[in-house]
Amino acid sequence: MACVLVVMTIFALVIDRRSFLTAGLGYLAWLIWALASRSGEGLDWPVVLILIGGAVTALGAWWVPLRARLMRVLPDFPGKDRLPPYAKGAL
């Protein structure tokens, strides 16, 4: 499930849609809680929500530089020129 969420994040960066990630926030909360419960650490829900909030805030703060770097690294593909523009000079 973590791999699927990473792929969704990369796809959201490519299409430049932060709202695409909101669908995965509930799954992310469950995933963090399940992994912590399985490892015996037993994180409480407030800690899980703080971790998710921190991750979402960090992603939002670095969205433009991350997207610019990803778009420069990706090879040309059909439709790349029709995606929203990205800052070529960022990072």
PDB file of N, CA and C in Angstrom:
ATOM      1  N   MET A   1       0.823  -1.179   0.000  1.00  0.00           N
ATOM      2  CA  MET A   1       0.000   0.000   0.000  1.00  0.00           C
ATOM      3  C   MET A   1       0.879   1.260   0.000  1.00  0.00           C
ATOM      4  N   ALA A   2       1.999   1.195   0.694  1.00  0.00           N
ATOM      5  CA  ALA A   2       2.898   2.342   0.710  1.00  0.00           C
ATOM      6  C   ALA A   2       3.429   2.637  -0.694  1.00  0.00           C
ATOM      7  N   CYS A   3       3.725   1.583  -1.440  1.00  0.00           N
ATOM      8  CA  CYS A   3       4.203   1.773  -2.815  1.00  0.00           C
ATOM      9  C   CYS A   3       3.138   2.429  -3.683  1.00  0.00           C
ATOM     10  N   VAL A   4       1.897   2.021  -3.506  1.00  0.00           N
ATOM     11  CA  VAL A   4       0.797   2.618  -4.265  1.00  0.00           C
ATOM     12  C   VAL A   4       0.667   4.101  -3.931  1.00  0.00           C
ATOM     13  N   LEU A   5       0.813   4.451  -2.654  1.00  0.00           N
ATOM     14  CA  LEU A   5       0.725   5.856  -2.261  1.00  0.00           C
ATOM     15  C   LEU A   5       1.886   6.676  -2.827  1.00  0.00           C
ATOM     16  N   VAL A   6       3.070   6.082  -2.903  1.00  0.00           N
ATOM     17  CA  VAL A   6       4.216   6.778  -3.505  1.00  0.00           C
ATOM     18  C   VAL A   6       3.958   7.013  -4.993  1.00  0.00           C
ATOM     19  N   VAL A   7       3.433   6.001  -5.676  1.00  0.00           N
ATOM     20  CA  VAL A   7       3.113   6.142  -7.098  1.00  0.00           C
ATOM     21  C   VAL A   7       2.037   7.206  -7.293  1.00  0.00           C
ATOM     22  N   MET A   8       1.027   7.231  -6.419  1.00  0.00           N
ATOM     23  CA  MET A   8      -0.016   8.260  -6.504  1.00  0.00           C
ATOM     24  C   MET A   8       0.570   9.654  -6.310  1.00  0.00           C
ATOM     25  N   THR A   9       1.528   9.775  -5.393  1.00  0.00           N
ATOM     26  CA  THR A   9       2.170  11.066  -5.149  1.00  0.00           C
ATOM     27  C   THR A   9       2.956  11.517  -6.373  1.00  0.00           C
ATOM     28  N   ILE A  10       3.687  10.620  -6.979  1.00  0.00           N
ATOM     29  CA  ILE A  10       4.448  10.956  -8.187  1.00  0.00           C
ATOM     30  C   ILE A  10       3.502  11.354  -9.311  1.00  0.00           C
ATOM     31  N   PHE A  11       2.410  10.616  -9.466  1.00  0.00           N
ATOM     32  CA  PHE A  11       1.423  10.948 -10.493  1.00  0.00           C
ATOM     33  C   PHE A  11       0.806  12.319 -10.218  1.00  0.00           C
ATOM     34  N   ALA A  12       0.499  12.605  -8.950  1.00  0.00           N
ATOM     35  CA  ALA A  12      -0.062  13.914  -8.590  1.00  0.00           C
ATOM     36  C   ALA A  12       0.926  15.034  -8.900  1.00  0.00           C
ATOM     37  N   LEU A  13       2.210  14.789  -8.673  1.00  0.00           N
ATOM     38  CA  LEU A  13       3.223  15.791  -9.020  1.00  0.00           C
ATOM     39  C   LEU A  13       3.270  16.024 -10.523  1.00  0.00           C
ATOM     40  N   VAL A  14       3.201  14.956 -11.295  1.00  0.00           N
ATOM     41  CA  VAL A  14       3.275  15.079 -12.749  1.00  0.00           C
ATOM     42  C   VAL A  14       2.083  15.865 -13.287  1.00  0.00           C
ATOM     43  N   ILE A  15       0.875  15.542 -12.809  1.00  0.00           N
ATOM     44  CA  ILE A  15      -0.302  16.238 -13.331  1.00  0.00           C
ATOM     45  C   ILE A  15      -0.573  17.541 -12.594  1.00  0.00           C
ATOM     46  N   ASP A  16       0.228  17.849 -11.585  1.00  0.00           N
ATOM     47  CA  ASP A  16       0.143  19.084 -10.805  1.00  0.00           C
ATOM     48  C   ASP A  16      -1.224  19.243 -10.140  1.00  0.00           C
ATOM     49  N   ARG A  17      -1.647  18.209  -9.455  1.00  0.00           N
ATOM     50  CA  ARG A  17      -2.926  18.240  -8.751  1.00  0.00           C
ATOM     51  C   ARG A  17      -2.742  17.738  -7.322  1.00  0.00           C
ATOM     52  N   ARG A  18      -2.662  18.683  -6.380  1.00  0.00           N
ATOM     53  CA  ARG A  18      -2.530  18.315  -4.975  1.00  0.00           C
ATOM     54  C   ARG A  18      -3.780  17.601  -4.474  1.00  0.00           C
ATOM     55  N   SER A  19      -4.918  17.976  -5.033  1.00  0.00           N
ATOM     56  CA  SER A  19      -6.176  17.377  -4.581  1.00  0.00           C
ATOM     57  C   SER A  19      -6.228  15.879  -4.865  1.00  0.00           C
ATOM     58  N   PHE A  20      -5.441  15.409  -5.798  1.00  0.00           N
ATOM     59  CA  PHE A  20      -5.383  13.986  -6.120  1.00  0.00           C
ATOM     60  C   PHE A  20      -4.896  13.177  -4.918  1.00  0.00           C
ATOM     61  N   LEU A  21      -4.088  13.809  -4.061  1.00  0.00           N
ATOM     62  CA  LEU A  21      -3.525  13.114  -2.912  1.00  0.00           C
ATOM     63  C   LEU A  21      -4.501  12.982  -1.753  1.00  0.00           C
ATOM     64  N   THR A  22      -5.510  13.827  -1.681  1.00  0.00           N
ATOM     65  CA  THR A  22      -6.407  13.795  -0.533  1.00  0.00           C
ATOM     66  C   THR A  22      -7.141  12.462  -0.418  1.00  0.00           C
ATOM     67  N   ALA A  23      -7.351  11.790  -1.523  1.00  0.00           N
ATOM     68  CA  ALA A  23      -8.015  10.491  -1.482  1.00  0.00           C
ATOM     69  C   ALA A  23      -7.183   9.468  -0.714  1.00  0.00           C
ATOM     70  N   GLY A  24      -5.896   9.622  -0.712  1.00  0.00           N
ATOM     71  CA  GLY A  24      -5.033   8.651  -0.053  1.00  0.00           C
ATOM     72  C   GLY A  24      -4.727   8.951   1.403  1.00  0.00           C
ATOM     73  N   LEU A  25      -5.202  10.072   1.941  1.00  0.00           N
ATOM     74  CA  LEU A  25      -4.851  10.424   3.316  1.00  0.00           C
ATOM     75  C   LEU A  25      -5.416   9.438   4.340  1.00  0.00           C
ATOM     76  N   GLY A  26      -6.628   8.979   4.139  1.00  0.00           N
ATOM     77  CA  GLY A  26      -7.206   7.994   5.056  1.00  0.00           C
ATOM     78  C   GLY A  26      -6.438   6.686   5.030  1.00  0.00           C
ATOM     79  N   TYR A  27      -6.056   6.263   3.831  1.00  0.00           N
ATOM     80  CA  TYR A  27      -5.259   5.041   3.702  1.00  0.00           C
ATOM     81  C   TYR A  27      -3.886   5.207   4.344  1.00  0.00           C
ATOM     82  N   LEU A  28      -3.327   6.389   4.207  1.00  0.00           N
ATOM     83  CA  LEU A  28      -2.023   6.659   4.810  1.00  0.00           C
ATOM     84  C   LEU A  28      -2.111   6.596   6.328  1.00  0.00           C
ATOM     85  N   ALA A  29      -3.168   7.164   6.896  1.00  0.00           N
ATOM     86  CA  ALA A  29      -3.356   7.113   8.356  1.00  0.00           C
ATOM     87  C   ALA A  29      -3.453   5.659   8.818  1.00  0.00           C
ATOM     88  N   TRP A  30      -4.250   4.866   8.112  1.00  0.00           N
ATOM     89  CA  TRP A  30      -4.401   3.464   8.485  1.00  0.00           C
ATOM     90  C   TRP A  30      -3.072   2.721   8.346  1.00  0.00           C
ATOM     91  N   LEU A  31      -2.323   3.006   7.275  1.00  0.00           N
ATOM     92  CA  LEU A  31      -1.054   2.328   7.036  1.00  0.00           C
ATOM     93  C   LEU A  31      -0.052   2.614   8.151  1.00  0.00           C
ATOM     94  N   ILE A  32       0.067   3.875   8.540  1.00  0.00           N
ATOM     95  CA  ILE A  32       1.000   4.224   9.615  1.00  0.00           C
ATOM     96  C   ILE A  32       0.591   3.545  10.915  1.00  0.00           C
ATOM     97  N   TRP A  33      -0.707   3.592  11.214  1.00  0.00           N
ATOM     98  CA  TRP A  33      -1.189   2.961  12.437  1.00  0.00           C
ATOM     99  C   TRP A  33      -0.954   1.453  12.410  1.00  0.00           C
ATOM    100  N   ALA A  34      -1.251   0.809  11.284  1.00  0.00           N
ATOM    101  CA  ALA A  34      -1.091  -0.647  11.174  1.00  0.00           C
ATOM    102  C   ALA A  34       0.373  -1.055  11.300  1.00  0.00           C
ATOM    103  N   LEU A  35       1.257  -0.319  10.663  1.00  0.00           N
ATOM    104  CA  LEU A  35       2.683  -0.651  10.756  1.00  0.00           C
ATOM    105  C   LEU A  35       3.210  -0.454  12.170  1.00  0.00           C
ATOM    106  N   ALA A  36       2.762   0.614  12.822  1.00  0.00           N
ATOM    107  CA  ALA A  36       3.211   0.864  14.192  1.00  0.00           C
ATOM    108  C   ALA A  36       2.652  -0.194  15.141  1.00  0.00           C
ATOM    109  N   SER A  37       1.421  -0.626  14.925  1.00  0.00           N
ATOM    110  CA  SER A  37       0.823  -1.657  15.779  1.00  0.00           C
ATOM    111  C   SER A  37       1.519  -3.000  15.589  1.00  0.00           C
ATOM    112  N   ARG A  38       1.873  -3.299  14.354  1.00  0.00           N
ATOM    113  CA  ARG A  38       2.519  -4.575  14.052  1.00  0.00           C
ATOM    114  C   ARG A  38       3.924  -4.643  14.639  1.00  0.00           C
ATOM    115  N   SER A  39       4.610  -3.489  14.645  1.00  0.00           N
ATOM    116  CA  SER A  39       5.981  -3.481  15.159  1.00  0.00           C
ATOM    117  C   SER A  39       6.016  -3.420  16.680  1.00  0.00           C
ATOM    118  N   GLY A  40       4.861  -3.226  17.315  1.00  0.00           N
ATOM    119  CA  GLY A  40       4.818  -3.204  18.768  1.00  0.00           C
ATOM    120  C   GLY A  40       4.957  -1.822  19.370  1.00  0.00           C
ATOM    121  N   GLU A  41       5.188  -0.801  18.538  1.00  0.00           N
ATOM    122  CA  GLU A  41       5.341   0.549  19.070  1.00  0.00           C
ATOM    123  C   GLU A  41       4.006   1.122  19.527  1.00  0.00           C
ATOM    124  N   GLY A  42       2.930   0.771  18.851  1.00  0.00           N
ATOM    125  CA  GLY A  42       1.607   1.198  19.251  1.00  0.00           C
ATOM    126  C   GLY A  42       1.407   2.701  19.268  1.00  0.00           C
ATOM    127  N   LEU A  43       1.586   3.342  18.127  1.00  0.00           N
ATOM    128  CA  LEU A  43       1.374   4.784  18.048  1.00  0.00           C
ATOM    129  C   LEU A  43      -0.089   5.129  18.289  1.00  0.00           C
ATOM    130  N   ASP A  44      -0.319   6.201  19.012  1.00  0.00           N
ATOM    131  CA  ASP A  44      -1.672   6.688  19.213  1.00  0.00           C
ATOM    132  C   ASP A  44      -2.114   7.469  17.985  1.00  0.00           C
ATOM    133  N   TRP A  45      -3.428   7.599  17.819  1.00  0.00           N
ATOM    134  CA  TRP A  45      -3.972   8.318  16.666  1.00  0.00           C
ATOM    135  C   TRP A  45      -3.480   9.753  16.588  1.00  0.00           C
ATOM    136  N   PRO A  46      -3.355  10.492  17.703  1.00  0.00           N
ATOM    137  CA  PRO A  46      -2.831  11.861  17.570  1.00  0.00           C
ATOM    138  C   PRO A  46      -1.426  11.898  16.959  1.00  0.00           C
ATOM    139  N   VAL A  47      -0.596  10.938  17.323  1.00  0.00           N
ATOM    140  CA  VAL A  47       0.756  10.884  16.760  1.00  0.00           C
ATOM    141  C   VAL A  47       0.685  10.581  15.273  1.00  0.00           C
ATOM    142  N   VAL A  48      -0.186   9.660  14.886  1.00  0.00           N
ATOM    143  CA  VAL A  48      -0.361   9.311  13.472  1.00  0.00           C
ATOM    144  C   VAL A  48      -0.804  10.545  12.685  1.00  0.00           C
ATOM    145  N   LEU A  49      -1.773  11.261  13.222  1.00  0.00           N
ATOM    146  CA  LEU A  49      -2.271  12.453  12.529  1.00  0.00           C
ATOM    147  C   LEU A  49      -1.215  13.552  12.439  1.00  0.00           C
ATOM    148  N   ILE A  50      -0.385  13.682  13.471  1.00  0.00           N
ATOM    149  CA  ILE A  50       0.707  14.668  13.418  1.00  0.00           C
ATOM    150  C   ILE A  50       1.720  14.272  12.347  1.00  0.00           C
ATOM    151  N   LEU A  51       2.033  12.990  12.243  1.00  0.00           N
ATOM    152  CA  LEU A  51       2.962  12.530  11.199  1.00  0.00           C
ATOM    153  C   LEU A  51       2.405  12.807   9.803  1.00  0.00           C
ATOM    154  N   ILE A  52       1.125  12.532   9.607  1.00  0.00           N
ATOM    155  CA  ILE A  52       0.502  12.780   8.309  1.00  0.00           C
ATOM    156  C   ILE A  52       0.471  14.277   8.021  1.00  0.00           C
ATOM    157  N   GLY A  53       0.106  15.062   9.020  1.00  0.00           N
ATOM    158  CA  GLY A  53       0.085  16.514   8.839  1.00  0.00           C
ATOM    159  C   GLY A  53       1.449  17.061   8.474  1.00  0.00           C
ATOM    160  N   GLY A  54       2.484  16.541   9.115  1.00  0.00           N
ATOM    161  CA  GLY A  54       3.840  16.976   8.786  1.00  0.00           C
ATOM    162  C   GLY A  54       4.243  16.599   7.371  1.00  0.00           C
ATOM    163  N   ALA A  55       3.880  15.383   6.968  1.00  0.00           N
ATOM    164  CA  ALA A  55       4.211  14.941   5.613  1.00  0.00           C
ATOM    165  C   ALA A  55       3.465  15.765   4.558  1.00  0.00           C
ATOM    166  N   VAL A  56       2.187  16.024   4.800  1.00  0.00           N
ATOM    167  CA  VAL A  56       1.393  16.805   3.850  1.00  0.00           C
ATOM    168  C   VAL A  56       1.897  18.246   3.789  1.00  0.00           C
ATOM    169  N   THR A  57       2.247  18.809   4.941  1.00  0.00           N
ATOM    170  CA  THR A  57       2.775  20.175   4.968  1.00  0.00           C
ATOM    171  C   THR A  57       4.108  20.269   4.241  1.00  0.00           C
ATOM    172  N   ALA A  58       4.992  19.300   4.465  1.00  0.00           N
ATOM    173  CA  ALA A  58       6.289  19.297   3.780  1.00  0.00           C
ATOM    174  C   ALA A  58       6.109  19.154   2.277  1.00  0.00           C
ATOM    175  N   LEU A  59       5.233  18.265   1.861  1.00  0.00           N
ATOM    176  CA  LEU A  59       4.993  18.079   0.432  1.00  0.00           C
ATOM    177  C   LEU A  59       4.418  19.344  -0.187  1.00  0.00           C
ATOM    178  N   GLY A  60       3.502  19.988   0.521  1.00  0.00           N
ATOM    179  CA  GLY A  60       2.925  21.229   0.013  1.00  0.00           C
ATOM    180  C   GLY A  60       3.953  22.351  -0.060  1.00  0.00           C
ATOM    181  N   ALA A  61       4.835  22.419   0.921  1.00  0.00           N
ATOM    182  CA  ALA A  61       5.846  23.479   0.936  1.00  0.00           C
ATOM    183  C   ALA A  61       6.873  23.311  -0.178  1.00  0.00           C
ATOM    184  N   TRP A  62       7.202  22.077  -0.507  1.00  0.00           N
ATOM    185  CA  TRP A  62       8.223  21.820  -1.528  1.00  0.00           C
ATOM    186  C   TRP A  62       7.631  21.319  -2.835  1.00  0.00           C
ATOM    187  N   TRP A  63       6.346  21.547  -3.052  1.00  0.00           N
ATOM    188  CA  TRP A  63       5.656  21.048  -4.246  1.00  0.00           C
ATOM    189  C   TRP A  63       6.311  21.545  -5.534  1.00  0.00           C
ATOM    190  N   VAL A  64       6.505  22.848  -5.658  1.00  0.00           N
ATOM    191  CA  VAL A  64       7.016  23.430  -6.907  1.00  0.00           C
ATOM    192  C   VAL A  64       8.425  22.931  -7.220  1.00  0.00           C
ATOM    193  N   PRO A  65       9.373  22.974  -6.265  1.00  0.00           N
ATOM    194  CA  PRO A  65      10.708  22.450  -6.592  1.00  0.00           C
ATOM    195  C   PRO A  65      10.714  20.948  -6.889  1.00  0.00           C
ATOM    196  N   LEU A  66       9.922  20.172  -6.140  1.00  0.00           N
ATOM    197  CA  LEU A  66       9.853  18.734  -6.407  1.00  0.00           C
ATOM    198  C   LEU A  66       9.292  18.462  -7.795  1.00  0.00           C
ATOM    199  N   ARG A  67       8.236  19.191  -8.156  1.00  0.00           N
ATOM    200  CA  ARG A  67       7.621  18.979  -9.470  1.00  0.00           C
ATOM    201  C   ARG A  67       8.579  19.382 -10.584  1.00  0.00           C
ATOM    202  N   ALA A  68       9.272  20.497 -10.401  1.00  0.00           N
ATOM    203  CA  ALA A  68      10.217  20.939 -11.427  1.00  0.00           C
ATOM    204  C   ALA A  68      11.321  19.906 -11.633  1.00  0.00           C
ATOM    205  N   ARG A  69      11.846  19.383 -10.541  1.00  0.00           N
ATOM    206  CA  ARG A  69      12.912  18.379 -10.645  1.00  0.00           C
ATOM    207  C   ARG A  69      12.392  17.104 -11.319  1.00  0.00           C
ATOM    208  N   LEU A  70      11.201  16.654 -10.920  1.00  0.00           N
ATOM    209  CA  LEU A  70      10.621  15.445 -11.503  1.00  0.00           C
ATOM    210  C   LEU A  70      10.351  15.626 -12.988  1.00  0.00           C
ATOM    211  N   MET A  71       9.810  16.762 -13.383  1.00  0.00           N
ATOM    212  CA  MET A  71       9.487  16.994 -14.790  1.00  0.00           C
ATOM    213  C   MET A  71      10.748  17.088 -15.646  1.00  0.00           C
ATOM    214  N   ARG A  72      11.833  17.617 -15.081  1.00  0.00           N
ATOM    215  CA  ARG A  72      13.093  17.666 -15.833  1.00  0.00           C
ATOM    216  C   ARG A  72      13.684  16.279 -16.005  1.00  0.00           C
ATOM    217  N   VAL A  73      13.514  15.426 -15.007  1.00  0.00           N
ATOM    218  CA  VAL A  73      14.084  14.076 -15.051  1.00  0.00           C
ATOM    219  C   VAL A  73      13.293  13.166 -15.991  1.00  0.00           C
ATOM    220  N   LEU A  74      11.978  13.354 -16.038  1.00  0.00           N
ATOM    221  CA  LEU A  74      11.153  12.497 -16.897  1.00  0.00           C
ATOM    222  C   LEU A  74      11.475  12.736 -18.368  1.00  0.00           C
ATOM    223  N   PRO A  75      11.534  11.658 -19.144  1.00  0.00           N
ATOM    224  CA  PRO A  75      11.746  11.839 -20.586  1.00  0.00           C
ATOM    225  C   PRO A  75      10.476  12.426 -21.213  1.00  0.00           C
ATOM    226  N   ASP A  76      10.613  12.934 -22.428  1.00  0.00           N
ATOM    227  CA  ASP A  76       9.430  13.423 -23.125  1.00  0.00           C
ATOM    228  C   ASP A  76       8.478  12.259 -23.365  1.00  0.00           C
ATOM    229  N   PHE A  77       7.209  12.519 -23.123  1.00  0.00           N
ATOM    230  CA  PHE A  77       6.180  11.514 -23.355  1.00  0.00           C
ATOM    231  C   PHE A  77       4.980  12.223 -23.969  1.00  0.00           C
ATOM    232  N   PRO A  78       4.118  11.481 -24.632  1.00  0.00           N
ATOM    233  CA  PRO A  78       2.959  12.117 -25.267  1.00  0.00           C
ATOM    234  C   PRO A  78       2.119  12.871 -24.234  1.00  0.00           C
ATOM    235  N   GLY A  79       1.879  14.132 -24.515  1.00  0.00           N
ATOM    236  CA  GLY A  79       1.070  14.952 -23.626  1.00  0.00           C
ATOM    237  C   GLY A  79       1.854  15.750 -22.601  1.00  0.00           C
ATOM    238  N   LYS A  80       3.159  15.547 -22.512  1.00  0.00           N
ATOM    239  CA  LYS A  80       3.952  16.280 -21.520  1.00  0.00           C
ATOM    240  C   LYS A  80       3.875  17.781 -21.767  1.00  0.00           C
ATOM    241  N   ASP A  81       3.819  18.172 -23.028  1.00  0.00           N
ATOM    242  CA  ASP A  81       3.751  19.599 -23.346  1.00  0.00           C
ATOM    243  C   ASP A  81       2.375  20.199 -23.023  1.00  0.00           C
ATOM    244  N   ARG A  82       1.364  19.360 -22.773  1.00  0.00           N
ATOM    245  CA  ARG A  82       0.034  19.857 -22.447  1.00  0.00           C
ATOM    246  C   ARG A  82      -0.220  19.916 -20.944  1.00  0.00           C
ATOM    247  N   LEU A  83       0.732  19.445 -20.143  1.00  0.00           N
ATOM    248  CA  LEU A  83       0.613  19.529 -18.690  1.00  0.00           C
ATOM    249  C   LEU A  83       0.886  20.956 -18.232  1.00  0.00           C
ATOM    250  N   PRO A  84       0.442  21.315 -17.018  1.00  0.00           N
ATOM    251  CA  PRO A  84       0.732  22.659 -16.523  1.00  0.00           C
ATOM    252  C   PRO A  84       2.231  22.927 -16.531  1.00  0.00           C
ATOM    253  N   PRO A  85       2.612  24.179 -16.753  1.00  0.00           N
ATOM    254  CA  PRO A  85       4.039  24.508 -16.808  1.00  0.00           C
ATOM    255  C   PRO A  85       4.704  24.295 -15.462  1.00  0.00           C
ATOM    256  N   TYR A  86       5.997  24.117 -15.498  1.00  0.00           N
ATOM    257  CA  TYR A  86       6.779  23.948 -14.272  1.00  0.00           C
ATOM    258  C   TYR A  86       7.960  24.898 -14.332  1.00  0.00           C
ATOM    259  N   ALA A  87       8.467  25.251 -13.154  1.00  0.00           N
ATOM    260  CA  ALA A  87       9.593  26.178 -13.060  1.00  0.00           C
ATOM    261  C   ALA A  87      10.858  25.460 -13.440  1.00  0.00           C
ATOM    262  N   LYS A  88      11.408  25.812 -14.577  1.00  0.00           N
ATOM    263  CA  LYS A  88      12.604  25.119 -15.065  1.00  0.00           C
ATOM    264  C   LYS A  88      13.833  25.468 -14.252  1.00  0.00           C
ATOM    265  N   GLY A  89      13.843  26.600 -13.575  1.00  0.00           N
ATOM    266  CA  GLY A  89      15.013  27.013 -12.826  1.00  0.00           C
ATOM    267  C   GLY A  89      14.988  26.579 -11.372  1.00  0.00           C
ATOM    268  N   ALA A  90      13.865  26.022 -10.894  1.00  0.00           N
ATOM    269  CA  ALA A  90      13.769  25.626  -9.483  1.00  0.00           C
ATOM    270  C   ALA A  90      14.641  24.436  -9.196  1.00  0.00           C
ATOM    271  N   LEU A  91      15.422  24.549  -8.118  1.00  0.00           N
ATOM    272  CA  LEU A  91      16.354  23.506  -7.684  1.00  0.00           C
ATOM    273  C   LEU A  91      17.233  23.114  -8.839  1.00  0.00           C
TER     274      LEU A  91
END
